[in-house]
PDB file of N, CA and C in Angstrom:
ATOM      1  N   MET A   1      58.099 158.920  12.268  1.00  0.00           N
ATOM      2  CA  MET A   1      57.750 159.798  12.742  1.00  0.00           C
ATOM      3  C   MET A   1      57.672 161.188  12.078  1.00  0.00           C
ATOM      4  N   LYS A   2      58.222 161.055  10.773  1.00  0.00           N
ATOM      5  CA  LYS A   2      58.332 162.181   9.576  1.00  0.00           C
ATOM      6  C   LYS A   2      57.032 162.476   9.074  1.00  0.00           C
ATOM      7  N   LYS A   3      56.445 161.094   8.837  1.00  0.00           N
ATOM      8  CA  LYS A   3      55.278 161.211   7.863  1.00  0.00           C
ATOM      9  C   LYS A   3      54.425 161.378   8.735  1.00  0.00           C
ATOM     10  N   ARG A   4      54.208 161.180  10.022  1.00  0.00           N
ATOM     11  CA  ARG A   4      52.758 161.741  10.905  1.00  0.00           C
ATOM     12  C   ARG A   4      52.808 163.336  10.897  1.00  0.00           C
ATOM     13  N   TYR A   5      54.182 163.778  10.858  1.00  0.00           N
ATOM     14  CA  TYR A   5      54.254 165.369  11.064  1.00  0.00           C
ATOM     15  C   TYR A   5      53.686 166.026   9.883  1.00  0.00           C
ATOM     16  N   PHE A   6      54.192 165.185   8.515  1.00  0.00           N
ATOM     17  CA  PHE A   6      53.284 165.407   7.505  1.00  0.00           C
ATOM     18  C   PHE A   6      52.433 165.238   7.104  1.00  0.00           C
ATOM     19  N   ILE A   7      51.477 164.572   7.344  1.00  0.00           N
ATOM     20  CA  ILE A   7      50.007 164.418   7.851  1.00  0.00           C
ATOM     21  C   ILE A   7      49.489 165.206   8.673  1.00  0.00           C
ATOM     22  N   LEU A   8      50.020 165.615   9.523  1.00  0.00           N
ATOM     23  CA  LEU A   8      49.437 166.690  10.569  1.00  0.00           C
ATOM     24  C   LEU A   8      49.348 167.961   9.778  1.00  0.00           C
ATOM     25  N   HIS A   9      50.657 168.326   9.074  1.00  0.00           N
ATOM     26  CA  HIS A   9      50.375 169.608   8.439  1.00  0.00           C
ATOM     27  C   HIS A   9      49.712 169.641   7.310  1.00  0.00           C
ATOM     28  N   LEU A  10      49.243 168.302   6.928  1.00  0.00           N
ATOM     29  CA  LEU A  10      48.063 168.499   5.615  1.00  0.00           C
ATOM     30  C   LEU A  10      46.854 168.672   6.301  1.00  0.00           C
ATOM     31  N   ILE A  11      46.251 168.022   7.578  1.00  0.00           N
ATOM     32  CA  ILE A  11      46.007 168.641   8.141  1.00  0.00           C
ATOM     33  C   ILE A  11      45.281 169.941   8.668  1.00  0.00           C
ATOM     34  N   LEU A  12      46.495 170.983   9.251  1.00  0.00           N
ATOM     35  CA  LEU A  12      46.360 171.662   9.503  1.00  0.00           C
ATOM     36  C   LEU A  12      46.105 172.877   8.173  1.00  0.00           C
ATOM     37  N   MET A  13      46.891 172.525   7.237  1.00  0.00           N
ATOM     38  CA  MET A  13      46.752 173.624   6.081  1.00  0.00           C
ATOM     39  C   MET A  13      45.363 173.273   5.544  1.00  0.00           C
ATOM     40  N   PHE A  14      44.814 172.089   5.436  1.00  0.00           N
ATOM     41  CA  PHE A  14      43.416 172.125   4.848  1.00  0.00           C
ATOM     42  C   PHE A  14      42.252 173.054   6.298  1.00  0.00           C
ATOM     43  N   TYR A  15      42.583 173.138   7.171  1.00  0.00           N
ATOM     44  CA  TYR A  15      42.232 173.645   8.374  1.00  0.00           C
ATOM     45  C   TYR A  15      42.134 175.271   8.435  1.00  0.00           C
ATOM     46  N   ALA A  16      43.333 175.719   7.681  1.00  0.00           N
ATOM     47  CA  ALA A  16      43.513 177.100   7.123  1.00  0.00           C
ATOM     48  C   ALA A  16      42.814 177.327   6.225  1.00  0.00           C
ATOM     49  N   ILE A  17      42.660 176.371   5.001  1.00  0.00           N
ATOM     50  CA  ILE A  17      41.664 176.853   4.108  1.00  0.00           C
ATOM     51  C   ILE A  17      40.261 177.361   4.255  1.00  0.00           C
ATOM     52  N   GLY A  18      39.910 176.955   5.419  1.00  0.00           N
ATOM     53  CA  GLY A  18      38.184 177.780   5.717  1.00  0.00           C
ATOM     54  C   GLY A  18      38.760 179.018   6.028  1.00  0.00           C
ATOM     55  N   GLY A  19      39.586 179.183   6.118  1.00  0.00           N
ATOM     56  CA  GLY A  19      40.006 180.643   6.353  1.00  0.00           C
ATOM     57  C   GLY A  19      39.712 181.761   5.142  1.00  0.00           C
ATOM     58  N   ILE A  20      40.112 181.400   3.858  1.00  0.00           N
ATOM     59  CA  ILE A  20      39.858 181.737   2.579  1.00  0.00           C
ATOM     60  C   ILE A  20      38.377 181.868   2.415  1.00  0.00           C
ATOM     61  N   PHE A  21      37.665 181.157   2.470  1.00  0.00           N
ATOM     62  CA  PHE A  21      36.081 181.183   2.277  1.00  0.00           C
ATOM     63  C   PHE A  21      35.601 181.952   3.560  1.00  0.00           C
ATOM     64  N   SER A  22      35.876 181.925   4.670  1.00  0.00           N
ATOM     65  CA  SER A  22      35.380 182.979   5.461  1.00  0.00           C
ATOM     66  C   SER A  22      35.538 184.254   5.191  1.00  0.00           C
ATOM     67  N   LYS A  23      36.976 184.882   4.590  1.00  0.00           N
ATOM     68  CA  LYS A  23      37.128 185.770   4.202  1.00  0.00           C
ATOM     69  C   LYS A  23      36.200 186.351   2.744  1.00  0.00           C
ATOM     70  N   LYS A  24      36.085 185.249   1.696  1.00  0.00           N
ATOM     71  CA  LYS A  24      35.065 185.046   0.636  1.00  0.00           C
ATOM     72  C   LYS A  24      33.777 185.671   1.380  1.00  0.00           C
ATOM     73  N   ALA A  25      33.540 185.169   1.954  1.00  0.00           N
ATOM     74  CA  ALA A  25      31.831 185.333   2.607  1.00  0.00           C
ATOM     75  C   ALA A  25      31.744 186.761   3.060  1.00  0.00           C
ATOM     76  N   ALA A  26      33.298 186.997   3.908  1.00  0.00           N
ATOM     77  CA  ALA A  26      32.866 188.557   4.400  1.00  0.00           C
ATOM     78  C   ALA A  26      32.591 189.543   3.021  1.00  0.00           C
ATOM     79  N   MET A  27      32.705 189.254   1.938  1.00  0.00           N
ATOM     80  CA  MET A  27      33.002 189.852   0.845  1.00  0.00           C
ATOM     81  C   MET A  27      31.320 190.120   0.341  1.00  0.00           C
ATOM     82  N   PHE A  28      30.324 189.386   0.765  1.00  0.00           N
ATOM     83  CA  PHE A  28      28.866 189.644   0.163  1.00  0.00           C
ATOM     84  C   PHE A  28      27.869 190.192   1.339  1.00  0.00           C
ATOM     85  N   PRO A  29      27.040 190.359   0.683  1.00  0.00           N
ATOM     86  CA  PRO A  29      25.718 190.717   1.781  1.00  0.00           C
ATOM     87  C   PRO A  29      25.884 189.678   2.785  1.00  0.00           C
ATOM     88  N   PHE A  30      25.211 190.058   4.011  1.00  0.00           N
ATOM     89  CA  PHE A  30      25.140 189.288   4.835  1.00  0.00           C
ATOM     90  C   PHE A  30      23.512 188.420   4.854  1.00  0.00           C
ATOM     91  N   LEU A  31      23.908 187.268   4.802  1.00  0.00           N
ATOM     92  CA  LEU A  31      22.734 186.189   4.517  1.00  0.00           C
ATOM     93  C   LEU A  31      22.455 185.905   3.088  1.00  0.00           C
ATOM     94  N   SER A  32      23.273 186.878   2.211  1.00  0.00           N
ATOM     95  CA  SER A  32      23.237 186.381   0.662  1.00  0.00           C
ATOM     96  C   SER A  32      23.295 184.940   0.609  1.00  0.00           C
ATOM     97  N   LEU A  33      23.049 184.313  -0.850  1.00  0.00           N
ATOM     98  CA  LEU A  33      23.345 183.118  -0.965  1.00  0.00           C
ATOM     99  C   LEU A  33      24.659 182.901  -1.010  1.00  0.00           C
ATOM    100  N   GLU A  34      25.904 184.153  -1.759  1.00  0.00           N
ATOM    101  CA  GLU A  34      27.151 183.937  -1.722  1.00  0.00           C
ATOM    102  C   GLU A  34      27.618 183.385  -0.282  1.00  0.00           C
ATOM    103  N   TYR A  35      26.971 184.395   0.412  1.00  0.00           N
ATOM    104  CA  TYR A  35      27.594 184.633   1.596  1.00  0.00           C
ATOM    105  C   TYR A  35      27.629 183.327   2.402  1.00  0.00           C
ATOM    106  N   LEU A  36      26.059 182.526   2.943  1.00  0.00           N
ATOM    107  CA  LEU A  36      25.412 181.285   3.180  1.00  0.00           C
ATOM    108  C   LEU A  36      26.477 179.945   2.292  1.00  0.00           C
ATOM    109  N   GLY A  37      26.726 180.002   0.848  1.00  0.00           N
ATOM    110  CA  GLY A  37      27.455 179.021   0.436  1.00  0.00           C
ATOM    111  C   GLY A  37      29.104 179.244   1.199  1.00  0.00           C
ATOM    112  N   ASN A  38      29.895 180.166   0.926  1.00  0.00           N
ATOM    113  CA  ASN A  38      30.917 180.290   1.281  1.00  0.00           C
ATOM    114  C   ASN A  38      30.934 179.574   3.412  1.00  0.00           C
ATOM    115  N   TYR A  39      30.248 180.278   4.003  1.00  0.00           N
ATOM    116  CA  TYR A  39      29.974 179.493   5.058  1.00  0.00           C
ATOM    117  C   TYR A  39      29.819 178.152   5.246  1.00  0.00           C
ATOM    118  N   MET A  40      29.360 177.658   4.682  1.00  0.00           N
ATOM    119  CA  MET A  40      28.571 176.136   4.369  1.00  0.00           C
ATOM    120  C   MET A  40      30.299 175.731   3.795  1.00  0.00           C
ATOM    121  N   ILE A  41      30.790 175.598   3.206  1.00  0.00           N
ATOM    122  CA  ILE A  41      32.067 175.178   2.923  1.00  0.00           C
ATOM    123  C   ILE A  41      32.971 175.393   4.257  1.00  0.00           C
ATOM    124  N   VAL A  42      32.711 176.066   4.846  1.00  0.00           N
ATOM    125  CA  VAL A  42      33.625 176.931   6.067  1.00  0.00           C
ATOM    126  C   VAL A  42      33.178 175.482   6.907  1.00  0.00           C
ATOM    127  N   LEU A  43      32.068 175.282   6.932  1.00  0.00           N
ATOM    128  CA  LEU A  43      31.290 174.685   8.247  1.00  0.00           C
ATOM    129  C   LEU A  43      31.965 173.202   7.970  1.00  0.00           C
ATOM    130  N   ALA A  44      31.869 172.681   6.478  1.00  0.00           N
ATOM    131  CA  ALA A  44      31.884 170.919   6.025  1.00  0.00           C
ATOM    132  C   ALA A  44      33.844 170.933   6.018  1.00  0.00           C
ATOM    133  N   ILE A  45      34.255 172.383   6.104  1.00  0.00           N
ATOM    134  CA  ILE A  45      35.987 172.038   6.819  1.00  0.00           C
ATOM    135  C   ILE A  45      36.215 171.599   7.775  1.00  0.00           C
ATOM    136  N   LEU A  46      35.461 172.543   8.682  1.00  0.00           N
ATOM    137  CA  LEU A  46      35.812 172.595  10.188  1.00  0.00           C
ATOM    138  C   LEU A  46      35.169 170.843  10.741  1.00  0.00           C
ATOM    139  N   ALA A  47      34.503 170.445   9.992  1.00  0.00           N
ATOM    140  CA  ALA A  47      33.716 168.881  10.234  1.00  0.00           C
ATOM    141  C   ALA A  47      34.637 167.985   9.856  1.00  0.00           C
ATOM    142  N   VAL A  48      34.991 168.292   8.872  1.00  0.00           N
ATOM    143  CA  VAL A  48      35.946 167.172   8.331  1.00  0.00           C
ATOM    144  C   VAL A  48      37.230 167.451   9.034  1.00  0.00           C
ATOM    145  N   TYR A  49      37.999 168.654   9.626  1.00  0.00           N
ATOM    146  CA  TYR A  49      38.598 168.762   9.768  1.00  0.00           C
ATOM    147  C   TYR A  49      39.239 168.092  11.735  1.00  0.00           C
ATOM    148  N   ALA A  50      37.818 168.959  12.058  1.00  0.00           N
ATOM    149  CA  ALA A  50      37.913 168.082  13.608  1.00  0.00           C
ATOM    150  C   ALA A  50      37.966 166.494  14.040  1.00  0.00           C
ATOM    151  N   PHE A  51      36.939 166.183  12.631  1.00  0.00           N
ATOM    152  CA  PHE A  51      37.527 164.636  12.909  1.00  0.00           C
ATOM    153  C   PHE A  51      38.808 163.873  12.538  1.00  0.00           C
ATOM    154  N   PHE A  52      39.651 164.389  11.698  1.00  0.00           N
ATOM    155  CA  PHE A  52      41.283 164.331  11.539  1.00  0.00           C
ATOM    156  C   PHE A  52      42.024 164.668  12.180  1.00  0.00           C
ATOM    157  N   TRP A  53      41.503 166.021  13.520  1.00  0.00           N
ATOM    158  CA  TRP A  53      42.434 166.361  14.248  1.00  0.00           C
ATOM    159  C   TRP A  53      42.007 165.754  15.473  1.00  0.00           C
ATOM    160  N   GLN A  54      40.834 164.733  15.464  1.00  0.00           N
ATOM    161  CA  GLN A  54      41.082 164.056  16.789  1.00  0.00           C
ATOM    162  C   GLN A  54      41.612 162.590  16.469  1.00  0.00           C
ATOM    163  N   LYS A  55      41.573 162.335  15.593  1.00  0.00           N
ATOM    164  CA  LYS A  55      42.738 161.264  14.869  1.00  0.00           C
ATOM    165  C   LYS A  55      43.871 161.270  15.764  1.00  0.00           C
ATOM    166  N   MET A  56      44.229 162.762  15.049  1.00  0.00           N
ATOM    167  CA  MET A  56      46.040 163.042  15.501  1.00  0.00           C
ATOM    168  C   MET A  56      46.180 163.349  16.140  1.00  0.00           C
ATOM    169  N   LEU A  57      45.675 163.413  17.563  1.00  0.00           N
ATOM    170  CA  LEU A  57      45.561 164.028  18.826  1.00  0.00           C
ATOM    171  C   LEU A  57      46.087 162.490  19.622  1.00  0.00           C
ATOM    172  N   LYS A  58      45.485 161.192  19.193  1.00  0.00           N
ATOM    173  CA  LYS A  58      45.904 159.794  19.287  1.00  0.00           C
ATOM    174  C   LYS A  58      47.429 160.118  19.201  1.00  0.00           C
ATOM    175  N   LYS A  59      48.109 160.452  18.252  1.00  0.00           N
ATOM    176  CA  LYS A  59      49.146 160.366  18.064  1.00  0.00           C
ATOM    177  C   LYS A  59      50.316 160.897  18.312  1.00  0.00           C
ATOM    178  N   PHE A  60      50.048 162.097  18.795  1.00  0.00           N
ATOM    179  CA  PHE A  60      51.142 162.973  18.985  1.00  0.00           C
ATOM    180  C   PHE A  60      50.906 163.205  21.213  1.00  0.00           C
ATOM    181  N   PRO A  61      51.996 164.062  21.580  1.00  0.00           N
ATOM    182  CA  PRO A  61      51.674 164.630  22.534  1.00  0.00           C
ATOM    183  C   PRO A  61      50.843 165.521  22.524  1.00  0.00           C
ATOM    184  N   LEU A  62      50.005 165.947  23.468  1.00  0.00           N
ATOM    185  CA  LEU A  62      49.127 167.427  23.294  1.00  0.00           C
ATOM    186  C   LEU A  62      50.204 168.257  22.869  1.00  0.00           C
ATOM    187  N   THR A  63      51.314 169.020  23.690  1.00  0.00           N
ATOM    188  CA  THR A  63      52.249 169.999  23.381  1.00  0.00           C
ATOM    189  C   THR A  63      52.768 169.652  22.026  1.00  0.00           C
ATOM    190  N   ALA A  64      53.151 168.796  21.606  1.00  0.00           N
ATOM    191  CA  ALA A  64      53.151 168.850  20.209  1.00  0.00           C
ATOM    192  C   ALA A  64      52.137 169.102  19.081  1.00  0.00           C
ATOM    193  N   ALA A  65      51.417 168.727  19.633  1.00  0.00           N
ATOM    194  CA  ALA A  65      49.872 168.968  18.319  1.00  0.00           C
ATOM    195  C   ALA A  65      49.327 170.163  18.547  1.00  0.00           C
ATOM    196  N   MET A  66      49.442 171.083  19.737  1.00  0.00           N
ATOM    197  CA  MET A  66      49.263 172.050  19.665  1.00  0.00           C
ATOM    198  C   MET A  66      50.348 173.360  19.388  1.00  0.00           C
ATOM    199  N   ALA A  67      51.566 173.059  19.310  1.00  0.00           N
ATOM    200  CA  ALA A  67      52.704 173.580  19.195  1.00  0.00           C
ATOM    201  C   ALA A  67      52.363 174.102  17.829  1.00  0.00           C
ATOM    202  N   ASN A  68      52.095 172.513  16.605  1.00  0.00           N
ATOM    203  CA  ASN A  68      52.208 172.646  15.295  1.00  0.00           C
ATOM    204  C   ASN A  68      51.304 172.970  15.018  1.00  0.00           C
ATOM    205  N   LYS A  69      49.857 173.140  16.001  1.00  0.00           N
ATOM    206  CA  LYS A  69      48.556 174.268  14.967  1.00  0.00           C
ATOM    207  C   LYS A  69      48.989 175.392  14.875  1.00  0.00           C
ATOM    208  N   SER A  70      50.036 176.015  15.448  1.00  0.00           N
ATOM    209  CA  SER A  70      50.415 177.995  15.127  1.00  0.00           C
ATOM    210  C   SER A  70      50.956 178.085  13.844  1.00  0.00           C
ATOM    211  N   VAL A  71      51.454 176.366  13.240  1.00  0.00           N
ATOM    212  CA  VAL A  71      51.764 176.766  11.445  1.00  0.00           C
ATOM    213  C   VAL A  71      50.203 177.371  10.843  1.00  0.00           C
ATOM    214  N   THR A  72      48.812 177.299  11.123  1.00  0.00           N
ATOM    215  CA  THR A  72      48.120 177.833  10.035  1.00  0.00           C
ATOM    216  C   THR A  72      48.105 178.992   9.977  1.00  0.00           C
ATOM    217  N   VAL A  73      48.684 180.054  11.236  1.00  0.00           N
ATOM    218  CA  VAL A  73      48.992 181.321  11.048  1.00  0.00           C
ATOM    219  C   VAL A  73      49.880 181.604   9.780  1.00  0.00           C
ATOM    220  N   ILE A  74      50.699 180.679   9.428  1.00  0.00           N
ATOM    221  CA  ILE A  74      51.561 180.691   7.989  1.00  0.00           C
ATOM    222  C   ILE A  74      50.994 180.268   7.040  1.00  0.00           C
ATOM    223  N   TRP A  75      49.798 179.721   7.068  1.00  0.00           N
ATOM    224  CA  TRP A  75      49.247 179.506   5.919  1.00  0.00           C
ATOM    225  C   TRP A  75      48.214 180.378   5.697  1.00  0.00           C
ATOM    226  N   GLY A  76      48.160 181.241   7.059  1.00  0.00           N
ATOM    227  CA  GLY A  76      47.023 182.164   6.625  1.00  0.00           C
ATOM    228  C   GLY A  76      47.977 183.547   5.741  1.00  0.00           C
ATOM    229  N   ILE A  77      49.240 183.475   6.273  1.00  0.00           N
ATOM    230  CA  ILE A  77      49.800 184.610   5.466  1.00  0.00           C
ATOM    231  C   ILE A  77      50.274 184.431   3.677  1.00  0.00           C
ATOM    232  N   ILE A  78      50.296 183.220   3.840  1.00  0.00           N
ATOM    233  CA  ILE A  78      50.810 182.658   2.377  1.00  0.00           C
ATOM    234  C   ILE A  78      49.110 182.692   1.616  1.00  0.00           C
ATOM    235  N   PHE A  79      48.057 181.951   2.066  1.00  0.00           N
ATOM    236  CA  PHE A  79      46.780 182.078   1.503  1.00  0.00           C
ATOM    237  C   PHE A  79      46.160 183.503   1.257  1.00  0.00           C
ATOM    238  N   GLY A  80      46.603 184.561   1.745  1.00  0.00           N
ATOM    239  CA  GLY A  80      46.428 186.174   1.902  1.00  0.00           C
ATOM    240  C   GLY A  80      46.940 186.482   0.997  1.00  0.00           C
ATOM    241  N   SER A  81      48.246 185.889   0.583  1.00  0.00           N
ATOM    242  CA  SER A  81      49.154 186.547  -0.426  1.00  0.00           C
ATOM    243  C   SER A  81      48.574 185.904  -1.939  1.00  0.00           C
ATOM    244  N   LEU A  82      48.065 184.673  -1.460  1.00  0.00           N
ATOM    245  CA  LEU A  82      47.904 184.137  -3.191  1.00  0.00           C
ATOM    246  C   LEU A  82      46.583 184.508  -3.607  1.00  0.00           C
ATOM    247  N   PHE A  83      45.656 184.474  -2.534  1.00  0.00           N
ATOM    248  CA  PHE A  83      44.280 184.829  -3.125  1.00  0.00           C
ATOM    249  C   PHE A  83      43.638 185.939  -2.958  1.00  0.00           C
ATOM    250  N   PHE A  84      43.950 187.095  -2.050  1.00  0.00           N
ATOM    251  CA  PHE A  84      43.753 188.120  -1.615  1.00  0.00           C
ATOM    252  C   PHE A  84      44.690 189.266  -1.962  1.00  0.00           C
ATOM    253  N   ASP A  85      45.893 188.770  -2.873  1.00  0.00           N
ATOM    254  CA  ASP A  85      46.785 189.992  -2.941  1.00  0.00           C
ATOM    255  C   ASP A  85      47.392 190.862  -1.832  1.00  0.00           C
ATOM    256  N   GLU A  86      47.026 190.007  -0.764  1.00  0.00           N
ATOM    257  CA  GLU A  86      47.881 190.812   0.605  1.00  0.00           C
ATOM    258  C   GLU A  86      49.140 190.785   0.325  1.00  0.00           C
ATOM    259  N   LYS A  87      50.134 191.668   0.922  1.00  0.00           N
ATOM    260  CA  LYS A  87      50.924 191.811   1.149  1.00  0.00           C
ATOM    261  C   LYS A  87      51.722 191.216   2.062  1.00  0.00           C
ATOM    262  N   ILE A  88      53.411 190.611   1.636  1.00  0.00           N
ATOM    263  CA  ILE A  88      53.784 190.088   3.175  1.00  0.00           C
ATOM    264  C   ILE A  88      55.098 190.571   3.109  1.00  0.00           C
ATOM    265  N   SER A  89      54.806 191.087   4.427  1.00  0.00           N
ATOM    266  CA  SER A  89      55.577 191.990   5.031  1.00  0.00           C
ATOM    267  C   SER A  89      57.023 191.282   5.806  1.00  0.00           C
ATOM    268  N   ILE A  90      58.302 192.194   5.882  1.00  0.00           N
ATOM    269  CA  ILE A  90      58.953 191.404   6.692  1.00  0.00           C
ATOM    270  C   ILE A  90      58.817 190.896   7.946  1.00  0.00           C
ATOM    271  N   TRP A  91      58.080 191.742   8.728  1.00  0.00           N
ATOM    272  CA  TRP A  91      57.577 191.277  10.026  1.00  0.00           C
ATOM    273  C   TRP A  91      56.792 190.206   9.997  1.00  0.00           C
ATOM    274  N   ASN A  92      55.798 189.557   9.037  1.00  0.00           N
ATOM    275  CA  ASN A  92      54.919 188.536   8.416  1.00  0.00           C
ATOM    276  C   ASN A  92      56.376 187.304   8.798  1.00  0.00           C
ATOM    277  N   VAL A  93      57.469 187.493   7.743  1.00  0.00           N
ATOM    278  CA  VAL A  93      58.577 186.623   7.827  1.00  0.00           C
ATOM    279  C   VAL A  93      59.186 186.218   8.977  1.00  0.00           C
ATOM    280  N   ILE A  94      59.035 187.690   9.820  1.00  0.00           N
ATOM    281  CA  ILE A  94      60.104 187.289  11.006  1.00  0.00           C
ATOM    282  C   ILE A  94      59.158 186.687  11.891  1.00  0.00           C
ATOM    283  N   GLY A  95      57.497 186.913  12.045  1.00  0.00           N
ATOM    284  CA  GLY A  95      56.826 186.021  12.713  1.00  0.00           C
ATOM    285  C   GLY A  95      56.868 184.869  12.563  1.00  0.00           C
ATOM    286  N   ALA A  96      56.703 184.222  11.135  1.00  0.00           N
ATOM    287  CA  ALA A  96      56.742 182.547  10.506  1.00  0.00           C
ATOM    288  C   ALA A  96      58.106 182.280  10.757  1.00  0.00           C
ATOM    289  N   GLY A  97      59.159 182.861  11.362  1.00  0.00           N
ATOM    290  CA  GLY A  97      60.071 182.091  11.676  1.00  0.00           C
ATOM    291  C   GLY A  97      60.212 182.148  13.200  1.00  0.00           C
ATOM    292  N   ILE A  98      59.665 182.881  14.068  1.00  0.00           N
ATOM    293  CA  ILE A  98      59.554 182.702  15.441  1.00  0.00           C
ATOM    294  C   ILE A  98      58.666 181.506  15.797  1.00  0.00           C
ATOM    295  N   ILE A  99      57.429 181.112  15.105  1.00  0.00           N
ATOM    296  CA  ILE A  99      56.396 180.291  14.921  1.00  0.00           C
ATOM    297  C   ILE A  99      57.265 178.510  14.641  1.00  0.00           C
ATOM    298  N   ILE A 100      57.932 178.965  13.708  1.00  0.00           N
ATOM    299  CA  ILE A 100      58.852 177.586  12.908  1.00  0.00           C
ATOM    300  C   ILE A 100      59.905 177.222  14.410  1.00  0.00           C
ATOM    301  N   LEU A 101      60.349 178.175  14.843  1.00  0.00           N
ATOM    302  CA  LEU A 101      61.731 177.826  15.950  1.00  0.00           C
ATOM    303  C   LEU A 101      60.700 177.563  17.082  1.00  0.00           C
ATOM    304  N   GLY A 102      59.606 178.157  17.392  1.00  0.00           N
ATOM    305  CA  GLY A 102      58.915 177.502  18.376  1.00  0.00           C
ATOM    306  C   GLY A 102      58.660 175.979  18.521  1.00  0.00           C
ATOM    307  N   ILE A 103      57.997 175.395  17.109  1.00  0.00           N
ATOM    308  CA  ILE A 103      57.496 174.320  17.217  1.00  0.00           C
ATOM    309  C   ILE A 103      58.995 173.492  17.175  1.00  0.00           C
ATOM    310  N   CYS A 104      59.912 173.921  16.217  1.00  0.00           N
ATOM    311  CA  CYS A 104      61.237 173.393  16.791  1.00  0.00           C
ATOM    312  C   CYS A 104      61.471 172.766  17.965  1.00  0.00           C
ATOM    313  N   PHE A 105      61.398 173.592  19.352  1.00  0.00           N
ATOM    314  CA  PHE A 105      61.731 173.969  20.434  1.00  0.00           C
ATOM    315  C   PHE A 105      60.757 172.685  21.093  1.00  0.00           C
ATOM    316  N   VAL A 106      59.591 173.121  21.126  1.00  0.00           N
ATOM    317  CA  VAL A 106      58.764 172.089  21.741  1.00  0.00           C
ATOM    318  C   VAL A 106      58.953 170.627  20.959  1.00  0.00           C
ATOM    319  N   ALA A 107      59.097 170.600  19.931  1.00  0.00           N
ATOM    320  CA  ALA A 107      59.809 168.818  19.341  1.00  0.00           C
ATOM    321  C   ALA A 107      60.849 168.628  19.722  1.00  0.00           C
ATOM    322  N   ALA A 108      61.784 169.573  20.434  1.00  0.00           N
ATOM    323  CA  ALA A 108      63.193 169.006  20.378  1.00  0.00           C
ATOM    324  C   ALA A 108      63.173 168.824  21.898  1.00  0.00           C
ATOM    325  N   SER A 109      62.296 169.326  22.574  1.00  0.00           N
ATOM    326  CA  SER A 109      61.640 168.733  23.893  1.00  0.00           C
ATOM    327  C   SER A 109      61.266 167.660  24.183  1.00  0.00           C
ATOM    328  N   ASP A 110      60.962 166.537  23.212  1.00  0.00           N
ATOM    329  CA  ASP A 110      60.371 165.665  23.281  1.00  0.00           C
ATOM    330  C   ASP A 110      61.176 164.735  22.645  1.00  0.00           C
ATOM    331  N   LYS A 111      62.020 163.894  23.546  1.00  0.00           N
ATOM    332  CA  LYS A 111      62.829 162.886  22.511  1.00  0.00           C
ATOM    333  C   LYS A 111      62.804 162.587  21.786  1.00  0.00           C
ATOM    334  N   GLU A 112      61.099 162.018  21.762  1.00  0.00           N
ATOM    335  CA  GLU A 112      60.634 160.944  20.410  1.00  0.00           C
ATOM    336  C   GLU A 112      60.852 161.475  19.073  1.00  0.00           C
ATOM    337  N   GLN A 113      60.797 162.980  19.081  1.00  0.00           N
ATOM    338  CA  GLN A 113      60.178 163.993  18.056  1.00  0.00           C
ATOM    339  C   GLN A 113      61.376 164.401  17.350  1.00  0.00           C
ATOM    340  N   GLU A 114      61.409 163.602  16.154  1.00  0.00           N
ATOM    341  CA  GLU A 114      62.654 164.513  15.347  1.00  0.00           C
ATOM    342  C   GLU A 114      62.415 164.939  14.054  1.00  0.00           C
ATOM    343  N   ILE A 115      61.101 166.003  14.278  1.00  0.00           N
ATOM    344  CA  ILE A 115      60.824 166.698  12.864  1.00  0.00           C
ATOM    345  C   ILE A 115      62.045 167.959  12.794  1.00  0.00           C
ATOM    346  N   CYS A 116      62.896 168.684  13.419  1.00  0.00           N
ATOM    347  CA  CYS A 116      63.564 169.887  13.260  1.00  0.00           C
ATOM    348  C   CYS A 116      64.628 169.202  12.985  1.00  0.00           C
ATOM    349  N   THR A 117      65.593 167.981  13.510  1.00  0.00           N
ATOM    350  CA  THR A 117      66.669 167.243  13.034  1.00  0.00           C
ATOM    351  C   THR A 117      66.845 166.960  11.624  1.00  0.00           C
TER     352      THR A 117
END
């Protein structure tokens, strides 16, 4: 079970990487070559993500998959700090903790899942 969750979170991390290229695209003039190149990468990431997300939906209850999808917010905080020198505030940390607790509550409500034990 934990291996499936690890794979799910890798897929969600990959999805969150699209945000890096989306933000990079916003740094360039609209429809410039750099802008279009970054958005082409975003579209490629979304296409790959959509394929694997559909595969994962077959292996998880929908409530568990959607609850775990909120982890992309945490990846956004991490990537923002690493790639764009954004500061991580105490509120970001508190919000990330609430997200993790929410995921654990959803996992605990489904007896089949043991991700937070």
